[in-house]
């Protein structure tokens, strides 16, 4: 019979501590009794997006960084710097954009459907 296995050194993203486990069915779950979202780690790791997503409002913007950015210095992100320097949405069009740094070192934006 397959047992629940500890995941050593992995912490629940909900702040429960080192409480993540691998269930017999293969899912990552937090087994802390008070965890508000037991499968949060599975949801986060299940996100297939590996590029930055920038959401431009009329006078604001925000970035969803890919998980790989957490391995480096998130505060010196080139996408973050270039989005901040734009002064507004590209061509005045608000929305969600996929952002990558092109071969020329500049940010390329692709408008995503709503």
Protein backbone atom coordinates (compact mmCIF):
# COMPACT_ATOMS: atom_id res chain seq x y z
CA UNK A 1 0.00 0.00 0.00
CA UNK A 2 1.35 3.42 -0.98
CA UNK A 3 1.81 5.79 1.93
CA UNK A 4 1.83 9.54 2.31
CA UNK A 5 5.40 10.75 1.90
CA UNK A 6 7.04 13.79 3.46
CA UNK A 7 8.49 16.42 1.13
CA UNK A 8 11.63 17.49 2.95
CA UNK A 9 12.52 21.19 2.88
CA UNK A 10 9.33 22.31 1.14
CA UNK A 11 7.06 24.81 2.85
CA UNK A 12 3.33 25.34 2.46
CA UNK A 13 2.74 28.57 0.50
CA UNK A 14 -0.09 29.40 2.91
CA UNK A 15 2.36 29.79 5.80
CA UNK A 16 1.75 26.49 7.59
CA UNK A 17 5.42 25.53 7.70
CA UNK A 18 7.23 22.43 6.47
CA UNK A 19 3.96 20.54 6.10
CA UNK A 20 3.85 19.49 2.45
CA UNK A 21 3.42 15.83 1.63
CA UNK A 22 2.99 13.66 -1.44
CA UNK A 23 -0.31 11.80 -1.31
CA UNK A 24 -0.73 8.21 -2.55
CA UNK A 25 -2.44 9.62 -5.66
CA UNK A 26 0.62 11.76 -6.45
CA UNK A 27 -0.77 15.15 -5.38
CA UNK A 28 1.18 17.63 -3.29
CA UNK A 29 -0.86 18.62 -0.25
CA UNK A 30 -0.42 20.45 3.04
CA UNK A 31 -1.46 18.22 5.92
CA UNK A 32 -1.62 20.98 8.54
CA UNK A 33 -5.13 20.72 10.02
CA UNK A 34 -5.78 24.48 9.84
CA UNK A 35 -4.40 25.02 6.32
CA UNK A 36 -6.87 27.24 4.43
CA UNK A 37 -5.83 25.85 1.02
CA UNK A 38 -4.37 22.38 1.28
CA UNK A 39 -3.58 22.08 -2.44
CA UNK A 40 -2.10 25.58 -2.94
CA UNK A 41 1.37 24.24 -3.81
CA UNK A 42 -0.12 21.95 -6.46
CA UNK A 43 -2.07 24.89 -7.94
CA UNK A 44 1.01 27.12 -8.02
CA UNK A 45 3.24 24.46 -9.56
CA UNK A 46 0.48 23.57 -12.04
CA UNK A 47 0.58 27.03 -13.63
CA UNK A 48 2.03 26.49 -17.12
CA UNK A 49 2.85 30.16 -17.71
CA UNK A 50 6.62 30.64 -17.76
CA UNK A 51 6.72 34.23 -18.97
CA UNK A 52 5.88 37.47 -17.20
CA UNK A 53 2.29 38.68 -17.35
CA UNK A 54 1.93 42.46 -17.15
CA UNK A 55 -1.48 43.98 -16.50
CA UNK A 56 -1.70 47.61 -17.61
CA UNK A 57 -4.46 49.85 -16.32
CA UNK A 58 -4.99 53.43 -17.51
CA UNK A 59 -2.58 54.77 -14.88
CA UNK A 60 -1.20 51.67 -13.15
CA UNK A 61 0.48 48.36 -13.89
CA UNK A 62 1.35 45.15 -12.09
CA UNK A 63 3.40 42.07 -12.94
CA UNK A 64 2.93 38.38 -12.29
CA UNK A 65 6.47 37.03 -12.31
CA UNK A 66 7.12 33.42 -13.32
CA UNK A 67 8.25 31.14 -10.51
CA UNK A 68 11.79 30.91 -11.90
CA UNK A 69 12.30 34.59 -10.99
CA UNK A 70 12.12 33.62 -7.32
CA UNK A 71 15.48 31.84 -7.78
CA UNK A 72 17.21 35.15 -8.50
CA UNK A 73 16.87 38.79 -7.59
CA UNK A 74 13.22 39.62 -8.20
CA UNK A 75 13.85 43.27 -7.35
CA UNK A 76 16.14 43.82 -10.34
CA UNK A 77 13.81 42.24 -12.92
CA UNK A 78 14.31 43.75 -16.39
CA UNK A 79 10.61 43.39 -17.23
CA UNK A 80 9.73 45.30 -14.05
CA UNK A 81 12.18 48.09 -14.89
CA UNK A 82 11.01 48.45 -18.50
CA UNK A 83 7.29 48.31 -17.65
CA UNK A 84 7.80 51.03 -15.07
CA UNK A 85 9.58 53.23 -17.58
CA UNK A 86 6.75 53.04 -20.13
CA UNK A 87 4.58 55.69 -18.48
CA UNK A 88 1.35 53.93 -19.38
CA UNK A 89 -0.14 51.04 -21.35
CA UNK A 90 1.32 50.28 -24.78
CA UNK A 91 -0.43 52.38 -27.38
CA UNK A 92 -2.88 53.42 -24.67
CA UNK A 93 -4.48 49.94 -24.69
CA UNK A 94 -5.09 48.56 -21.22
CA UNK A 95 -5.16 44.81 -20.64
CA UNK A 96 -3.11 41.72 -19.88
CA UNK A 97 0.13 41.23 -21.81
CA UNK A 98 2.71 38.46 -22.00
CA UNK A 99 6.12 40.11 -21.73
CA UNK A 100 9.48 38.79 -22.83
CA UNK A 101 12.86 40.37 -23.38
CA UNK A 102 13.77 40.17 -27.06
CA UNK A 103 17.18 39.64 -28.62
CA UNK A 104 17.63 43.42 -28.68
CA UNK A 105 17.24 43.61 -24.88
CA UNK A 106 13.89 45.37 -25.15
CA UNK A 107 10.58 44.16 -23.79
CA UNK A 108 8.19 42.63 -26.32
CA UNK A 109 4.51 42.60 -25.37
CA UNK A 110 1.73 40.34 -26.61
CA UNK A 111 -1.84 41.34 -25.75
CA UNK A 112 -3.68 38.38 -24.25
CA UNK A 113 -7.40 37.69 -24.67
CA UNK A 114 -9.60 38.54 -21.70
